[in-house]
N, C-alpha and C. Protein backbone atom coordinates (compact mmCIF):
# COMPACT_ATOMS: atom_id res chain seq x y z
N MET A 1 -92.10 66.19 -27.36
CA MET A 1 -92.75 65.31 -28.24
C MET A 1 -93.04 63.94 -27.21
N ALA A 2 -94.12 63.42 -27.39
CA ALA A 2 -94.56 62.18 -26.42
C ALA A 2 -94.02 61.18 -27.08
N GLN A 3 -93.55 60.14 -26.44
CA GLN A 3 -92.98 58.95 -26.82
C GLN A 3 -94.06 57.84 -27.16
N MET A 4 -94.03 57.25 -28.44
CA MET A 4 -95.06 56.30 -29.08
C MET A 4 -94.52 54.85 -28.69
N ILE A 5 -95.42 54.21 -27.82
CA ILE A 5 -94.98 53.01 -27.34
C ILE A 5 -95.64 51.82 -28.23
N GLN A 6 -94.81 50.89 -28.82
CA GLN A 6 -95.51 49.90 -29.54
C GLN A 6 -95.82 48.82 -28.73
N GLN A 7 -96.44 47.60 -29.47
CA GLN A 7 -96.93 46.63 -28.77
C GLN A 7 -95.44 45.91 -28.05
N THR A 8 -94.61 46.04 -28.94
CA THR A 8 -93.37 45.10 -28.46
C THR A 8 -92.25 46.31 -28.52
N GLU A 9 -91.36 46.42 -27.91
CA GLU A 9 -90.34 47.34 -27.80
C GLU A 9 -88.96 46.70 -27.71
N PRO A 10 -87.86 46.87 -28.32
CA PRO A 10 -86.47 46.20 -27.98
C PRO A 10 -86.04 46.38 -26.42
N CYS A 11 -85.56 45.34 -26.03
CA CYS A 11 -84.62 45.59 -24.76
C CYS A 11 -83.32 46.37 -25.21
N PRO A 12 -83.07 47.43 -24.46
CA PRO A 12 -81.96 48.42 -24.79
C PRO A 12 -80.55 47.64 -24.54
N ILE A 13 -80.73 46.66 -23.92
CA ILE A 13 -79.36 46.00 -23.77
C ILE A 13 -79.04 44.79 -24.74
N CYS A 14 -79.98 43.80 -24.85
CA CYS A 14 -79.94 42.69 -25.62
C CYS A 14 -80.52 42.71 -26.99
N GLN A 15 -81.49 43.73 -27.27
CA GLN A 15 -82.62 43.92 -28.28
C GLN A 15 -83.53 42.93 -28.42
N MET A 16 -83.67 42.03 -27.36
CA MET A 16 -84.83 41.22 -27.42
C MET A 16 -85.90 41.88 -27.55
N PRO A 17 -87.04 41.47 -28.13
CA PRO A 17 -88.50 42.17 -28.20
C PRO A 17 -89.02 42.03 -26.87
N VAL A 18 -89.73 42.83 -26.30
CA VAL A 18 -90.47 42.84 -24.94
C VAL A 18 -91.64 43.35 -25.21
N LYS A 19 -92.79 42.56 -24.74
CA LYS A 19 -94.10 42.90 -25.00
C LYS A 19 -94.31 44.15 -23.61
N THR A 20 -94.84 45.29 -24.14
CA THR A 20 -95.01 46.29 -23.29
C THR A 20 -96.08 46.36 -22.62
N ASP A 21 -97.29 45.63 -22.81
CA ASP A 21 -98.57 45.61 -22.19
C ASP A 21 -98.47 44.73 -20.73
N GLY A 22 -98.06 45.28 -19.75
CA GLY A 22 -97.73 44.39 -18.43
C GLY A 22 -96.50 43.98 -18.46
N ALA A 23 -95.49 44.65 -19.04
CA ALA A 23 -94.20 44.28 -18.84
C ALA A 23 -93.84 44.45 -17.24
N GLU A 24 -92.74 43.55 -16.78
CA GLU A 24 -92.37 43.40 -15.62
C GLU A 24 -91.15 44.35 -15.22
N TYR A 25 -90.17 44.72 -16.09
CA TYR A 25 -89.19 45.49 -15.93
C TYR A 25 -89.29 46.50 -16.73
N VAL A 26 -89.35 47.82 -16.21
CA VAL A 26 -89.58 49.02 -16.91
C VAL A 26 -88.93 49.87 -16.00
N GLU A 27 -88.08 50.88 -16.75
CA GLU A 27 -87.44 52.03 -16.26
C GLU A 27 -87.58 53.41 -16.88
N LYS A 28 -87.57 54.54 -16.63
CA LYS A 28 -87.87 55.76 -16.79
C LYS A 28 -86.60 56.52 -16.76
N ARG A 29 -85.97 57.10 -18.07
CA ARG A 29 -84.89 57.89 -17.96
C ARG A 29 -85.04 59.15 -18.87
N ASP A 30 -84.75 59.93 -18.32
CA ASP A 30 -84.79 61.41 -19.24
C ASP A 30 -86.30 61.54 -19.99
N GLY A 31 -87.18 61.05 -19.17
CA GLY A 31 -88.51 61.05 -19.79
C GLY A 31 -88.74 59.94 -20.63
N GLN A 32 -87.92 59.07 -21.00
CA GLN A 32 -88.49 58.03 -21.95
C GLN A 32 -88.28 56.68 -21.17
N LEU A 33 -89.40 55.69 -21.53
CA LEU A 33 -89.79 54.78 -20.95
C LEU A 33 -88.68 53.47 -21.59
N TYR A 34 -88.09 52.58 -20.72
CA TYR A 34 -87.51 51.53 -21.24
C TYR A 34 -87.96 50.21 -20.93
N PHE A 35 -88.33 49.14 -21.72
CA PHE A 35 -88.43 47.98 -21.44
C PHE A 35 -87.42 46.91 -21.43
N PHE A 36 -87.49 46.16 -20.50
CA PHE A 36 -86.47 45.19 -20.36
C PHE A 36 -87.09 43.47 -20.31
N CYS A 37 -86.12 42.87 -20.91
CA CYS A 37 -86.65 41.31 -21.02
C CYS A 37 -86.33 40.60 -19.69
N ALA A 38 -85.50 41.08 -18.88
CA ALA A 38 -84.95 40.38 -17.41
C ALA A 38 -84.42 41.45 -16.82
N SER A 39 -84.39 40.88 -15.35
CA SER A 39 -83.92 41.85 -14.23
C SER A 39 -82.37 42.01 -14.60
N GLY A 40 -81.59 41.15 -15.06
CA GLY A 40 -80.27 41.32 -15.40
C GLY A 40 -79.80 42.32 -16.52
N CYS A 41 -80.94 42.46 -17.46
CA CYS A 41 -80.61 43.70 -18.38
C CYS A 41 -80.93 44.79 -17.78
N ARG A 42 -81.85 44.94 -16.68
CA ARG A 42 -82.44 46.14 -16.28
C ARG A 42 -81.12 46.53 -15.13
N ASP A 43 -80.77 45.81 -14.65
CA ASP A 43 -79.56 46.05 -13.63
C ASP A 43 -78.52 46.65 -14.48
N LYS A 44 -78.22 46.13 -15.62
CA LYS A 44 -77.08 46.64 -16.35
C LYS A 44 -77.41 47.74 -17.07
N PHE A 45 -78.58 48.19 -17.28
CA PHE A 45 -79.01 49.49 -17.60
C PHE A 45 -78.80 50.47 -16.52
N LEU A 46 -79.14 50.29 -15.47
CA LEU A 46 -79.15 50.94 -14.04
C LEU A 46 -77.67 51.28 -13.72
N GLU A 47 -76.72 50.40 -14.06
CA GLU A 47 -75.40 50.63 -13.61
C GLU A 47 -74.87 51.49 -14.55
N GLN A 48 -75.20 51.93 -15.82
CA GLN A 48 -74.66 52.91 -16.61
C GLN A 48 -75.00 54.14 -16.53
N GLY A 49 -73.99 55.26 -16.39
CA GLY A 49 -74.23 56.41 -16.35
C GLY A 49 -75.20 57.14 -17.53
N CYS A 50 -75.04 56.57 -18.47
CA CYS A 50 -75.81 57.26 -19.68
C CYS A 50 -76.48 56.17 -20.44
N CYS A 51 -76.91 56.25 -21.66
CA CYS A 51 -77.79 55.41 -22.42
C CYS A 51 -76.49 54.07 -22.87
N VAL A 52 -76.90 53.10 -22.99
CA VAL A 52 -76.21 51.79 -23.03
C VAL A 52 -76.20 51.61 -24.53
N LYS A 53 -75.15 51.21 -25.38
CA LYS A 53 -75.24 51.12 -26.73
C LYS A 53 -75.39 49.51 -26.76
N PRO A 54 -76.68 49.03 -27.33
CA PRO A 54 -76.56 47.71 -27.33
C PRO A 54 -75.67 46.83 -28.08
N LYS A 55 -75.53 45.64 -27.66
CA LYS A 55 -74.57 44.59 -28.15
C LYS A 55 -75.17 44.13 -29.47
N GLY A 56 -74.46 43.85 -30.34
CA GLY A 56 -75.06 43.07 -31.56
C GLY A 56 -75.02 41.45 -31.28
N ARG A 57 -75.50 40.97 -32.41
CA ARG A 57 -75.45 39.39 -32.19
C ARG A 57 -74.27 38.91 -32.02
N TRP A 58 -73.08 39.58 -32.58
CA TRP A 58 -71.79 38.97 -32.47
C TRP A 58 -71.27 39.23 -31.15
N GLY A 59 -71.56 40.49 -30.62
CA GLY A 59 -71.06 40.76 -29.08
C GLY A 59 -71.55 40.00 -28.11
N ARG A 60 -72.97 39.60 -28.36
CA ARG A 60 -73.68 38.85 -27.39
C ARG A 60 -72.95 37.25 -27.54
N PHE A 61 -72.66 36.73 -28.78
CA PHE A 61 -72.16 35.46 -28.82
C PHE A 61 -70.70 35.28 -28.41
N LEU A 62 -69.94 36.38 -28.34
CA LEU A 62 -68.69 36.49 -27.76
C LEU A 62 -68.75 36.40 -25.96
N ASP A 63 -69.82 37.14 -25.70
CA ASP A 63 -70.10 37.16 -24.34
C ASP A 63 -70.23 35.65 -23.53
N ARG A 64 -71.24 35.09 -24.46
CA ARG A 64 -71.50 33.75 -24.23
C ARG A 64 -70.36 32.91 -24.11
N LEU A 65 -69.46 32.96 -25.32
CA LEU A 65 -68.33 32.15 -25.39
C LEU A 65 -67.13 32.41 -24.45
N ALA A 66 -67.19 33.73 -23.92
CA ALA A 66 -66.34 33.77 -22.89
C ALA A 66 -66.70 33.26 -21.39
N LYS A 67 -68.01 33.34 -21.18
CA LYS A 67 -68.61 32.70 -19.88
C LYS A 67 -68.09 31.11 -20.13
N ALA A 68 -68.69 30.73 -21.18
CA ALA A 68 -68.21 29.20 -21.29
C ALA A 68 -67.04 28.74 -21.23
N ASN A 69 -65.99 29.32 -21.81
CA ASN A 69 -64.66 29.24 -21.57
C ASN A 69 -64.28 29.39 -20.16
N GLU A 70 -64.70 30.31 -19.54
CA GLU A 70 -64.00 30.58 -17.96
C GLU A 70 -64.86 29.52 -17.34
N LYS A 71 -65.75 28.96 -17.50
CA LYS A 71 -66.66 27.86 -16.81
C LYS A 71 -65.78 26.80 -17.10
N GLU A 72 -65.28 26.23 -18.14
CA GLU A 72 -64.63 25.06 -18.65
C GLU A 72 -62.97 25.30 -18.15
N PHE A 73 -62.36 26.25 -18.19
CA PHE A 73 -61.01 26.59 -17.85
C PHE A 73 -60.57 27.21 -16.84
N GLY A 74 -61.55 27.93 -16.09
CA GLY A 74 -61.20 28.64 -15.03
C GLY A 74 -60.74 30.31 -15.62
N PRO A 75 -60.62 31.20 -14.57
CA PRO A 75 -60.27 32.53 -15.14
C PRO A 75 -59.10 32.82 -15.96
N SER A 76 -58.00 31.93 -15.82
CA SER A 76 -56.68 32.09 -16.59
C SER A 76 -56.86 31.50 -18.00
N GLY A 77 -57.69 30.88 -18.47
CA GLY A 77 -58.10 30.34 -19.75
C GLY A 77 -57.28 28.93 -19.68
N PRO A 78 -57.48 28.57 -21.14
CA PRO A 78 -56.76 27.07 -21.22
C PRO A 78 -55.37 27.17 -21.26
N CYS A 79 -54.63 25.98 -20.98
CA CYS A 79 -53.09 25.99 -20.87
C CYS A 79 -52.74 25.23 -22.01
N CYS A 80 -51.86 25.69 -22.86
CA CYS A 80 -51.35 24.93 -24.13
C CYS A 80 -49.92 24.48 -23.67
N HIS A 81 -49.85 23.27 -23.58
CA HIS A 81 -48.61 22.51 -23.53
C HIS A 81 -47.59 22.14 -24.35
């Protein structure tokens, strides 16, 4: 069965809508095209051996929070005295 490509497809990593017409980051796996919002999402997809389970809104929030904490407090986290 042929893949039906819409005007926008969700990025398989972050679920952000990506315009398929002239998309910059596209990969083909197992006969299916995947469209990515950024090179980082495409690279993460390529690192995975199989299909990537997309993170939900909560998972993306926790990733951003962890990065902000690491930037603020360092890799060991905040120190409680």
